[in-house]
Amino acid sequence: MIPITFYIKKISIEANVGHFESKLKEKFGLNISIKSDVYEVNCLLRQIYNILNPIPPDLIKDCGAKTIILRNDLGKNKPYYPNHGYFMGNQVALNVDIFYNPDLPDDFFDHHGYFVTRPQQTLIHELGHSYDQHHNDLSLQKNWLSLSDWSENFKPGLKRLIIDEKEAPKIVGEWFYNPEIEKEPGGGFTRFYAKRNPWDDFADSFAFYVADLKDKVPQRKKTYLDNLLGYYYV
């Protein structure tokens, strides 16, 4: 015979899951899809809601994402693995291992010592990809490309990101950028990963800006995002 306390606990957990699912849908227009083998769902949904709660709801809705998928089959969370999450169509998928085994990379801090968490940065980064795509590929337009002299083809003086770390898959940047930009006042990147291509540059700048770690965003890109997103914060 199963004790009645088991049923009470199960009902309580399911009620909390439904509570946060409803809040995410009502406030941000986001549905939740939970894949098999995902556990502690209530804690995950609470963290996701807490990440999004300080952000203007209209900004989240205007990202164009409709569903957050929680997956437990994307592998372990490691600093240089590009498996923390992804965006496709109108869905953002998150590797729940970033919640189960969170890390705090050095480049998630600003010079004041303020920081974002791996789940926070990943979720908002992927929403940045969604915002980019649903607003006519902003990252591929001249106004953004010019901020780092992005080029799809090699030109003298440009370079491409290469990540070849121990126990991590080799990553070669898809586009070329101008390294001299980093030496100019207001130029540069949020972190190494943003040098991979203009759309990750945009999504990473978007993530630190929206997560209120604006000091991580180079001034030229911060000014761009002030003009793009400022009205959400009025």
C-alpha atoms as a PDB file:
ATOM      1  CA  MET A   1       0.000   0.000   0.000  1.00  0.00           C
ATOM      2  CA  ILE A   2       1.425   3.387  -1.012  1.00  0.00           C
ATOM      3  CA  PRO A   3       1.309   5.961   1.823  1.00  0.00           C
ATOM      4  CA  ILE A   4      -1.046   8.886   1.373  1.00  0.00           C
ATOM      5  CA  THR A   5       1.909  11.251   1.916  1.00  0.00           C
ATOM      6  CA  PHE A   6       3.300  10.056  -1.429  1.00  0.00           C
ATOM      7  CA  TYR A   7       0.146  11.200  -3.202  1.00  0.00           C
ATOM      8  CA  ILE A   8       0.139  14.532  -1.361  1.00  0.00           C
ATOM      9  CA  LYS A   9       3.767  15.171  -2.363  1.00  0.00           C
ATOM     10  CA  LYS A  10       3.124  14.146  -5.980  1.00  0.00           C
ATOM     11  CA  ILE A  11       0.039  16.346  -6.249  1.00  0.00           C
ATOM     12  CA  SER A  12       1.962  19.261  -4.706  1.00  0.00           C
ATOM     13  CA  ILE A  13       4.841  18.912  -7.200  1.00  0.00           C
ATOM     14  CA  GLU A  14       2.496  18.636 -10.170  1.00  0.00           C
ATOM     15  CA  ALA A  15       0.543  21.664  -8.971  1.00  0.00           C
ATOM     16  CA  ASN A  16       3.741  23.719  -8.766  1.00  0.00           C
ATOM     17  CA  VAL A  17       4.788  22.622 -12.242  1.00  0.00           C
ATOM     18  CA  GLY A  18       1.414  23.706 -13.561  1.00  0.00           C
ATOM     19  CA  HIS A  19       1.745  26.988 -11.673  1.00  0.00           C
ATOM     20  CA  PHE A  20       5.006  27.987 -13.368  1.00  0.00           C
ATOM     21  CA  GLU A  21       3.899  26.674 -16.757  1.00  0.00           C
ATOM     22  CA  SER A  22       0.845  28.913 -16.500  1.00  0.00           C
ATOM     23  CA  LYS A  23       2.897  31.926 -15.406  1.00  0.00           C
ATOM     24  CA  LEU A  24       5.358  31.514 -18.291  1.00  0.00           C
ATOM     25  CA  LYS A  25       2.477  31.210 -20.751  1.00  0.00           C
ATOM     26  CA  GLU A  26       0.463  34.079 -19.314  1.00  0.00           C
ATOM     27  CA  LYS A  27       3.286  36.591 -18.857  1.00  0.00           C
ATOM     28  CA  PHE A  28       5.640  35.743 -21.740  1.00  0.00           C
ATOM     29  CA  GLY A  29       3.567  33.679 -24.176  1.00  0.00           C
ATOM     30  CA  LEU A  30       5.917  30.696 -23.780  1.00  0.00           C
ATOM     31  CA  ASN A  31       4.910  27.052 -23.814  1.00  0.00           C
ATOM     32  CA  ILE A  32       7.003  24.362 -22.125  1.00  0.00           C
ATOM     33  CA  SER A  33       7.945  21.030 -23.686  1.00  0.00           C
ATOM     34  CA  ILE A  34       9.626  18.531 -21.362  1.00  0.00           C
ATOM     35  CA  LYS A  35      11.533  15.632 -22.879  1.00  0.00           C
ATOM     36  CA  SER A  36      11.999  12.270 -21.158  1.00  0.00           C
ATOM     37  CA  ASP A  37      14.431  11.829 -18.262  1.00  0.00           C
ATOM     38  CA  VAL A  38      14.145  15.443 -17.148  1.00  0.00           C
ATOM     39  CA  TYR A  39      13.770  15.589 -13.371  1.00  0.00           C
ATOM     40  CA  GLU A  40      13.173  18.329 -10.786  1.00  0.00           C
ATOM     41  CA  VAL A  41      10.895  20.006 -13.329  1.00  0.00           C
ATOM     42  CA  ASN A  42       9.352  22.350 -10.784  1.00  0.00           C
ATOM     43  CA  CYS A  43      12.796  23.701  -9.827  1.00  0.00           C
ATOM     44  CA  LEU A  44      13.729  24.120 -13.497  1.00  0.00           C
ATOM     45  CA  LEU A  45      10.563  26.019 -14.359  1.00  0.00           C
ATOM     46  CA  ARG A  46      10.936  28.216 -11.288  1.00  0.00           C
ATOM     47  CA  GLN A  47      14.500  29.098 -12.345  1.00  0.00           C
ATOM     48  CA  ILE A  48      13.404  29.842 -15.899  1.00  0.00           C
ATOM     49  CA  TYR A  49      10.609  32.067 -14.644  1.00  0.00           C
ATOM     50  CA  ASN A  50      12.983  33.871 -12.269  1.00  0.00           C
ATOM     51  CA  ILE A  51      15.435  34.458 -15.115  1.00  0.00           C
ATOM     52  CA  LEU A  52      12.755  35.987 -17.337  1.00  0.00           C
ATOM     53  CA  ASN A  53      10.756  37.816 -14.671  1.00  0.00           C
ATOM     54  CA  PRO A  54      12.904  41.011 -14.593  1.00  0.00           C
ATOM     55  CA  ILE A  55      12.779  41.336 -18.394  1.00  0.00           C
ATOM     56  CA  PRO A  56       9.956  43.375 -20.006  1.00  0.00           C
ATOM     57  CA  PRO A  57       7.342  40.821 -21.128  1.00  0.00           C
ATOM     58  CA  ASP A  58       6.852  42.550 -24.487  1.00  0.00           C
ATOM     59  CA  LEU A  59      10.547  42.097 -25.243  1.00  0.00           C
ATOM     60  CA  ILE A  60      10.308  38.344 -24.615  1.00  0.00           C
ATOM     61  CA  LYS A  61       7.159  38.101 -26.722  1.00  0.00           C
ATOM     62  CA  ASP A  62       8.785  40.053 -29.545  1.00  0.00           C
ATOM     63  CA  CYS A  63      11.631  37.528 -29.663  1.00  0.00           C
ATOM     64  CA  GLY A  64       9.255  35.281 -31.577  1.00  0.00           C
ATOM     65  CA  ALA A  65       9.994  32.147 -29.542  1.00  0.00           C
ATOM     66  CA  LYS A  66       6.866  30.185 -28.628  1.00  0.00           C
ATOM     67  CA  THR A  67       8.248  27.121 -26.839  1.00  0.00           C
ATOM     68  CA  ILE A  68      11.060  26.296 -24.426  1.00  0.00           C
ATOM     69  CA  ILE A  69      12.162  22.679 -24.704  1.00  0.00           C
ATOM     70  CA  LEU A  70      13.903  21.074 -21.731  1.00  0.00           C
ATOM     71  CA  ARG A  71      16.256  18.282 -22.828  1.00  0.00           C
ATOM     72  CA  ASN A  72      18.431  15.878 -20.861  1.00  0.00           C
ATOM     73  CA  ASP A  73      20.106  14.223 -23.847  1.00  0.00           C
ATOM     74  CA  LEU A  74      22.561  16.892 -24.986  1.00  0.00           C
ATOM     75  CA  GLY A  75      25.542  15.799 -22.900  1.00  0.00           C
ATOM     76  CA  LYS A  76      27.407  17.212 -19.940  1.00  0.00           C
ATOM     77  CA  ASN A  77      27.826  20.927 -19.399  1.00  0.00           C
ATOM     78  CA  LYS A  78      31.448  21.821 -20.172  1.00  0.00           C
ATOM     79  CA  PRO A  79      32.799  25.333 -20.755  1.00  0.00           C
ATOM     80  CA  TYR A  80      33.795  24.935 -24.415  1.00  0.00           C
ATOM     81  CA  TYR A  81      31.098  22.529 -25.543  1.00  0.00           C
ATOM     82  CA  PRO A  82      28.523  24.200 -27.797  1.00  0.00           C
ATOM     83  CA  ASN A  83      25.745  22.062 -26.305  1.00  0.00           C
ATOM     84  CA  HIS A  84      24.192  24.353 -23.715  1.00  0.00           C
ATOM     85  CA  GLY A  85      21.187  25.216 -25.843  1.00  0.00           C
ATOM     86  CA  TYR A  86      20.028  26.067 -29.331  1.00  0.00           C
ATOM     87  CA  PHE A  87      17.369  27.991 -31.206  1.00  0.00           C
ATOM     88  CA  MET A  88      15.400  26.644 -34.152  1.00  0.00           C
ATOM     89  CA  GLY A  89      12.299  28.096 -35.783  1.00  0.00           C
ATOM     90  CA  ASN A  90      10.217  29.355 -32.879  1.00  0.00           C
ATOM     91  CA  GLN A  91      11.684  27.028 -30.249  1.00  0.00           C
ATOM     92  CA  VAL A  92      14.475  27.448 -27.717  1.00  0.00           C
ATOM     93  CA  ALA A  93      15.972  24.217 -26.394  1.00  0.00           C
ATOM     94  CA  LEU A  94      17.935  24.109 -23.140  1.00  0.00           C
ATOM     95  CA  ASN A  95      20.295  21.399 -21.963  1.00  0.00           C
ATOM     96  CA  VAL A  96      19.059  20.838 -18.420  1.00  0.00           C
ATOM     97  CA  ASP A  97      22.559  19.807 -17.346  1.00  0.00           C
ATOM     98  CA  ILE A  98      23.373  23.534 -17.183  1.00  0.00           C
ATOM     99  CA  PHE A  99      20.876  23.649 -14.300  1.00  0.00           C
ATOM    100  CA  TYR A 100      21.866  20.332 -12.713  1.00  0.00           C
ATOM    101  CA  ASN A 101      25.626  21.061 -12.884  1.00  0.00           C
ATOM    102  CA  PRO A 102      26.009  24.809 -13.299  1.00  0.00           C
ATOM    103  CA  ASP A 103      29.389  26.425 -13.788  1.00  0.00           C
ATOM    104  CA  LEU A 104      30.354  30.087 -13.617  1.00  0.00           C
ATOM    105  CA  PRO A 105      32.904  30.998 -16.308  1.00  0.00           C
ATOM    106  CA  ASP A 106      35.271  33.902 -15.725  1.00  0.00           C
ATOM    107  CA  ASP A 107      33.890  35.723 -18.752  1.00  0.00           C
ATOM    108  CA  PHE A 108      30.397  35.851 -17.226  1.00  0.00           C
ATOM    109  CA  PHE A 109      31.610  38.544 -14.776  1.00  0.00           C
ATOM    110  CA  ASP A 110      31.944  42.266 -15.395  1.00  0.00           C
ATOM    111  CA  HIS A 111      34.645  44.476 -13.872  1.00  0.00           C
ATOM    112  CA  HIS A 112      32.392  45.285 -10.895  1.00  0.00           C
ATOM    113  CA  GLY A 113      32.195  41.594  -9.989  1.00  0.00           C
ATOM    114  CA  TYR A 114      28.547  41.274 -11.039  1.00  0.00           C
ATOM    115  CA  PHE A 115      27.755  38.121 -12.991  1.00  0.00           C
ATOM    116  CA  VAL A 116      25.189  36.098 -14.886  1.00  0.00           C
ATOM    117  CA  THR A 117      24.709  32.363 -14.419  1.00  0.00           C
ATOM    118  CA  ARG A 118      25.166  29.765 -17.149  1.00  0.00           C
ATOM    119  CA  PRO A 119      21.384  29.075 -17.340  1.00  0.00           C
ATOM    120  CA  GLN A 120      20.639  32.797 -17.416  1.00  0.00           C
ATOM    121  CA  GLN A 121      23.174  33.583 -20.117  1.00  0.00           C
ATOM    122  CA  THR A 122      22.224  30.556 -22.221  1.00  0.00           C
ATOM    123  CA  LEU A 123      18.472  31.162 -22.169  1.00  0.00           C
ATOM    124  CA  ILE A 124      18.723  34.861 -23.001  1.00  0.00           C
ATOM    125  CA  HIS A 125      21.428  34.195 -25.617  1.00  0.00           C
ATOM    126  CA  GLU A 126      19.096  31.785 -27.422  1.00  0.00           C
ATOM    127  CA  LEU A 127      16.251  34.272 -27.170  1.00  0.00           C
ATOM    128  CA  GLY A 128      18.668  36.776 -28.738  1.00  0.00           C
ATOM    129  CA  HIS A 129      19.024  34.439 -31.725  1.00  0.00           C
ATOM    130  CA  SER A 130      15.241  34.288 -31.932  1.00  0.00           C
ATOM    131  CA  TYR A 131      14.898  38.078 -31.760  1.00  0.00           C
ATOM    132  CA  ASP A 132      17.555  38.425 -34.449  1.00  0.00           C
ATOM    133  CA  GLN A 133      15.868  36.028 -36.860  1.00  0.00           C
ATOM    134  CA  HIS A 134      12.352  37.296 -36.271  1.00  0.00           C
ATOM    135  CA  HIS A 135      13.444  40.862 -37.011  1.00  0.00           C
ATOM    136  CA  ASN A 136      14.834  40.202 -40.491  1.00  0.00           C
ATOM    137  CA  ASP A 137      18.270  38.890 -39.466  1.00  0.00           C
ATOM    138  CA  LEU A 138      19.572  42.018 -37.787  1.00  0.00           C
ATOM    139  CA  SER A 139      22.991  40.432 -37.286  1.00  0.00           C
ATOM    140  CA  LEU A 140      23.507  40.187 -41.063  1.00  0.00           C
ATOM    141  CA  GLN A 141      22.580  43.785 -41.775  1.00  0.00           C
ATOM    142  CA  LYS A 142      25.205  46.443 -42.432  1.00  0.00           C
ATOM    143  CA  ASN A 143      24.609  48.338 -39.181  1.00  0.00           C
ATOM    144  CA  TRP A 144      25.643  45.307 -37.119  1.00  0.00           C
ATOM    145  CA  LEU A 145      28.294  43.861 -39.433  1.00  0.00           C
ATOM    146  CA  SER A 146      30.167  47.153 -39.514  1.00  0.00           C
ATOM    147  CA  LEU A 147      30.661  47.160 -35.740  1.00  0.00           C
ATOM    148  CA  SER A 148      33.297  44.415 -36.000  1.00  0.00           C
ATOM    149  CA  ASP A 149      34.084  44.533 -39.733  1.00  0.00           C
ATOM    150  CA  TRP A 150      32.497  41.123 -40.155  1.00  0.00           C
ATOM    151  CA  SER A 151      33.150  39.401 -43.474  1.00  0.00           C
ATOM    152  CA  GLU A 152      31.954  36.042 -44.731  1.00  0.00           C
ATOM    153  CA  ASN A 153      35.130  35.782 -46.822  1.00  0.00           C
ATOM    154  CA  PHE A 154      38.744  36.251 -45.846  1.00  0.00           C
ATOM    155  CA  LYS A 155      40.297  39.690 -46.341  1.00  0.00           C
ATOM    156  CA  PRO A 156      43.793  40.839 -45.352  1.00  0.00           C
ATOM    157  CA  GLY A 157      43.923  41.742 -41.677  1.00  0.00           C
ATOM    158  CA  LEU A 158      40.849  39.739 -40.714  1.00  0.00           C
ATOM    159  CA  LYS A 159      40.951  36.569 -38.620  1.00  0.00           C
ATOM    160  CA  ARG A 160      38.687  33.711 -37.653  1.00  0.00           C
ATOM    161  CA  LEU A 161      37.999  32.293 -34.209  1.00  0.00           C
ATOM    162  CA  ILE A 162      39.470  28.860 -33.476  1.00  0.00           C
ATOM    163  CA  ILE A 163      38.696  27.021 -30.235  1.00  0.00           C
ATOM    164  CA  ASP A 164      40.750  23.869 -29.806  1.00  0.00           C
ATOM    165  CA  GLU A 165      40.659  23.065 -26.114  1.00  0.00           C
ATOM    166  CA  LYS A 166      41.389  19.788 -24.376  1.00  0.00           C
ATOM    167  CA  GLU A 167      38.366  17.485 -24.156  1.00  0.00           C
ATOM    168  CA  ALA A 168      36.269  19.813 -26.316  1.00  0.00           C
ATOM    169  CA  PRO A 169      35.329  19.639 -29.982  1.00  0.00           C
ATOM    170  CA  LYS A 170      37.313  21.953 -32.234  1.00  0.00           C
ATOM    171  CA  ILE A 171      35.296  25.006 -33.246  1.00  0.00           C
ATOM    172  CA  VAL A 172      36.213  27.183 -36.204  1.00  0.00           C
ATOM    173  CA  GLY A 173      34.400  30.475 -36.639  1.00  0.00           C
ATOM    174  CA  GLU A 174      32.153  30.696 -39.669  1.00  0.00           C
ATOM    175  CA  TRP A 175      32.948  34.375 -40.390  1.00  0.00           C
ATOM    176  CA  PHE A 176      36.024  36.627 -40.219  1.00  0.00           C
ATOM    177  CA  TYR A 177      36.316  39.674 -37.946  1.00  0.00           C
ATOM    178  CA  ASN A 178      38.766  42.537 -37.600  1.00  0.00           C
ATOM    179  CA  PRO A 179      40.934  42.065 -34.466  1.00  0.00           C
ATOM    180  CA  GLU A 180      41.981  45.713 -34.600  1.00  0.00           C
ATOM    181  CA  ILE A 181      38.411  46.649 -33.599  1.00  0.00           C
ATOM    182  CA  GLU A 182      39.189  45.380 -30.097  1.00  0.00           C
ATOM    183  CA  LYS A 183      41.901  48.027 -29.705  1.00  0.00           C
ATOM    184  CA  GLU A 184      39.581  50.892 -30.589  1.00  0.00           C
ATOM    185  CA  PRO A 185      37.556  52.777 -27.949  1.00  0.00           C
ATOM    186  CA  GLY A 186      34.131  51.198 -27.675  1.00  0.00           C
ATOM    187  CA  GLY A 187      35.051  48.280 -29.922  1.00  0.00           C
ATOM    188  CA  GLY A 188      35.366  44.591 -29.163  1.00  0.00           C
ATOM    189  CA  PHE A 189      33.258  41.655 -28.069  1.00  0.00           C
ATOM    190  CA  THR A 190      31.449  40.458 -24.975  1.00  0.00           C
ATOM    191  CA  ARG A 191      33.642  37.322 -24.812  1.00  0.00           C
ATOM    192  CA  PHE A 192      35.577  34.897 -27.038  1.00  0.00           C
ATOM    193  CA  TYR A 193      32.486  32.997 -28.235  1.00  0.00           C
ATOM    194  CA  ALA A 194      31.019  36.141 -29.796  1.00  0.00           C
ATOM    195  CA  LYS A 195      33.920  36.148 -32.283  1.00  0.00           C
ATOM    196  CA  ARG A 196      32.548  33.025 -33.929  1.00  0.00           C
ATOM    197  CA  ASN A 197      30.097  34.759 -36.304  1.00  0.00           C
ATOM    198  CA  PRO A 198      27.907  37.885 -36.403  1.00  0.00           C
ATOM    199  CA  TRP A 199      24.789  36.113 -35.163  1.00  0.00           C
ATOM    200  CA  ASP A 200      26.519  34.772 -32.038  1.00  0.00           C
ATOM    201  CA  ASP A 201      28.055  38.220 -31.590  1.00  0.00           C
ATOM    202  CA  PHE A 202      24.532  39.678 -31.658  1.00  0.00           C
ATOM    203  CA  ALA A 203      23.007  37.012 -29.391  1.00  0.00           C
ATOM    204  CA  ASP A 204      25.804  37.313 -26.835  1.00  0.00           C
ATOM    205  CA  SER A 205      25.595  41.107 -26.747  1.00  0.00           C
ATOM    206  CA  PHE A 206      21.812  40.787 -26.432  1.00  0.00           C
ATOM    207  CA  ALA A 207      22.204  38.333 -23.534  1.00  0.00           C
ATOM    208  CA  PHE A 208      24.489  40.493 -21.401  1.00  0.00           C
ATOM    209  CA  TYR A 209      22.525  43.647 -22.235  1.00  0.00           C
ATOM    210  CA  VAL A 210      19.128  42.169 -21.364  1.00  0.00           C
ATOM    211  CA  ALA A 211      20.516  40.408 -18.273  1.00  0.00           C
ATOM    212  CA  ASP A 212      21.573  43.890 -17.071  1.00  0.00           C
ATOM    213  CA  LEU A 213      25.279  43.222 -17.329  1.00  0.00           C
ATOM    214  CA  LYS A 214      25.657  46.070 -19.799  1.00  0.00           C
ATOM    215  CA  ASP A 215      29.273  46.764 -18.835  1.00  0.00           C
ATOM    216  CA  LYS A 216      30.111  43.493 -20.621  1.00  0.00           C
ATOM    217  CA  VAL A 217      28.829  44.931 -23.893  1.00  0.00           C
ATOM    218  CA  PRO A 218      31.326  47.070 -25.866  1.00  0.00           C
ATOM    219  CA  GLN A 219      30.108  50.662 -26.070  1.00  0.00           C
ATOM    220  CA  ARG A 220      29.407  50.663 -29.809  1.00  0.00           C
ATOM    221  CA  LYS A 221      27.243  47.576 -29.492  1.00  0.00           C
ATOM    222  CA  LYS A 222      25.628  48.902 -26.328  1.00  0.00           C
ATOM    223  CA  THR A 223      24.637  52.071 -28.209  1.00  0.00           C
ATOM    224  CA  TYR A 224      23.203  49.912 -30.996  1.00  0.00           C
ATOM    225  CA  LEU A 225      21.144  47.916 -28.469  1.00  0.00           C
ATOM    226  CA  ASP A 226      20.070  51.098 -26.642  1.00  0.00           C
ATOM    227  CA  ASN A 227      18.559  52.274 -29.916  1.00  0.00           C
ATOM    228  CA  LEU A 228      17.091  48.867 -30.728  1.00  0.00           C
ATOM    229  CA  LEU A 229      15.687  47.861 -27.343  1.00  0.00           C
ATOM    230  CA  GLY A 230      15.487  51.058 -25.302  1.00  0.00           C
ATOM    231  CA  TYR A 231      11.777  51.604 -25.790  1.00  0.00           C
ATOM    232  CA  TYR A 232      10.995  48.314 -24.006  1.00  0.00           C
ATOM    233  CA  TYR A 233      12.424  49.814 -20.819  1.00  0.00           C
ATOM    234  CA  VAL A 234      10.594  53.155 -20.888  1.00  0.00           C
END
